[in-house]
Amino acid sequence: MSAPADPPQPEAPRPWLERIGLAAVAAVMSLLFAGVAVAAGSGGEWILAAMSAVGAFMTIAVGLATLVRG
């Protein structure tokens, strides 16, 4: 039998520049999702509008989590 492996060490948090960059990418993507939601809603495609709006909100949440949690 082999010896048990050492438990993994916790990783260091991401640097602030990386966090800000990832949050900026998330902001751009959420704006694109919101644009698709508005365009789909004005065209009468309500399912696509709802899915795009949910995508925008989830992307914003992930961007904020990246900033806060690191």
Protein backbone atom coordinates (compact mmCIF):
# COMPACT_ATOMS: atom_id res chain seq x y z
CA MET A 1 0.00 0.00 0.00
CA SER A 2 1.18 3.47 -0.77
CA ALA A 3 1.30 6.28 1.74
CA PRO A 4 -1.60 8.76 1.68
CA ALA A 5 -0.94 11.85 -0.40
CA ASP A 6 -0.47 15.20 1.27
CA PRO A 7 -3.61 17.35 1.23
CA PRO A 8 -3.53 20.00 -1.50
CA GLN A 9 -2.35 23.42 -0.44
CA PRO A 10 -4.79 26.30 -0.97
CA GLU A 11 -3.89 28.43 -3.96
CA ALA A 12 -3.06 32.09 -3.60
CA PRO A 13 -5.80 34.49 -4.69
CA ARG A 14 -5.59 35.97 -8.16
CA PRO A 15 -3.79 39.31 -8.56
CA TRP A 16 -5.99 42.40 -8.69
CA LEU A 17 -5.08 43.15 -12.31
CA GLU A 18 -6.27 39.70 -13.36
CA ARG A 19 -9.47 40.06 -11.33
CA ILE A 20 -10.23 43.43 -12.91
CA GLY A 21 -9.50 42.10 -16.39
CA LEU A 22 -11.77 39.10 -15.93
CA ALA A 23 -14.53 41.32 -14.53
CA ALA A 24 -14.16 43.63 -17.55
CA VAL A 25 -14.55 40.68 -19.92
CA ALA A 26 -17.64 39.62 -17.97
CA ALA A 27 -19.04 43.16 -18.22
CA VAL A 28 -18.60 43.21 -22.00
CA MET A 29 -20.19 39.79 -22.35
CA SER A 30 -23.14 40.78 -20.16
CA LEU A 31 -23.68 43.89 -22.31
CA LEU A 32 -23.75 41.67 -25.39
CA PHE A 33 -26.25 39.34 -23.73
CA ALA A 34 -28.38 42.33 -22.74
CA GLY A 35 -28.28 43.64 -26.31
CA VAL A 36 -29.47 40.29 -27.62
CA ALA A 37 -32.23 40.28 -24.99
CA VAL A 38 -33.45 43.73 -26.06
CA ALA A 39 -33.27 42.88 -29.76
CA ALA A 40 -35.06 39.57 -29.26
CA GLY A 41 -37.72 41.17 -27.09
CA SER A 42 -38.41 43.89 -29.63
CA GLY A 43 -38.67 41.25 -32.34
CA GLY A 44 -41.19 39.17 -30.40
CA GLU A 45 -38.84 36.28 -29.55
CA TRP A 46 -39.66 36.19 -25.83
CA ILE A 47 -37.99 32.87 -25.03
CA LEU A 48 -34.70 34.05 -26.56
CA ALA A 49 -35.07 37.37 -24.75
CA ALA A 50 -35.59 35.62 -21.42
CA MET A 51 -32.63 33.29 -21.95
CA SER A 52 -30.39 36.20 -22.93
CA ALA A 53 -31.48 38.25 -19.93
CA VAL A 54 -30.72 35.33 -17.60
CA GLY A 55 -27.33 34.97 -19.29
CA ALA A 56 -26.63 38.66 -18.72
CA PHE A 57 -27.53 38.45 -15.03
CA MET A 58 -25.48 35.30 -14.50
CA THR A 59 -22.46 36.80 -16.26
CA ILE A 60 -22.68 39.90 -14.06
CA ALA A 61 -22.88 37.67 -10.98
CA VAL A 62 -19.80 35.71 -12.04
CA GLY A 63 -17.88 38.93 -12.75
CA LEU A 64 -18.73 40.29 -9.32
CA ALA A 65 -17.80 36.99 -7.68
CA THR A 66 -14.45 37.12 -9.46
CA LEU A 67 -13.78 40.58 -8.07
CA VAL A 68 -14.88 39.79 -4.53
CA ARG A 69 -13.63 36.24 -4.05
CA GLY A 70 -10.59 36.31 -6.28
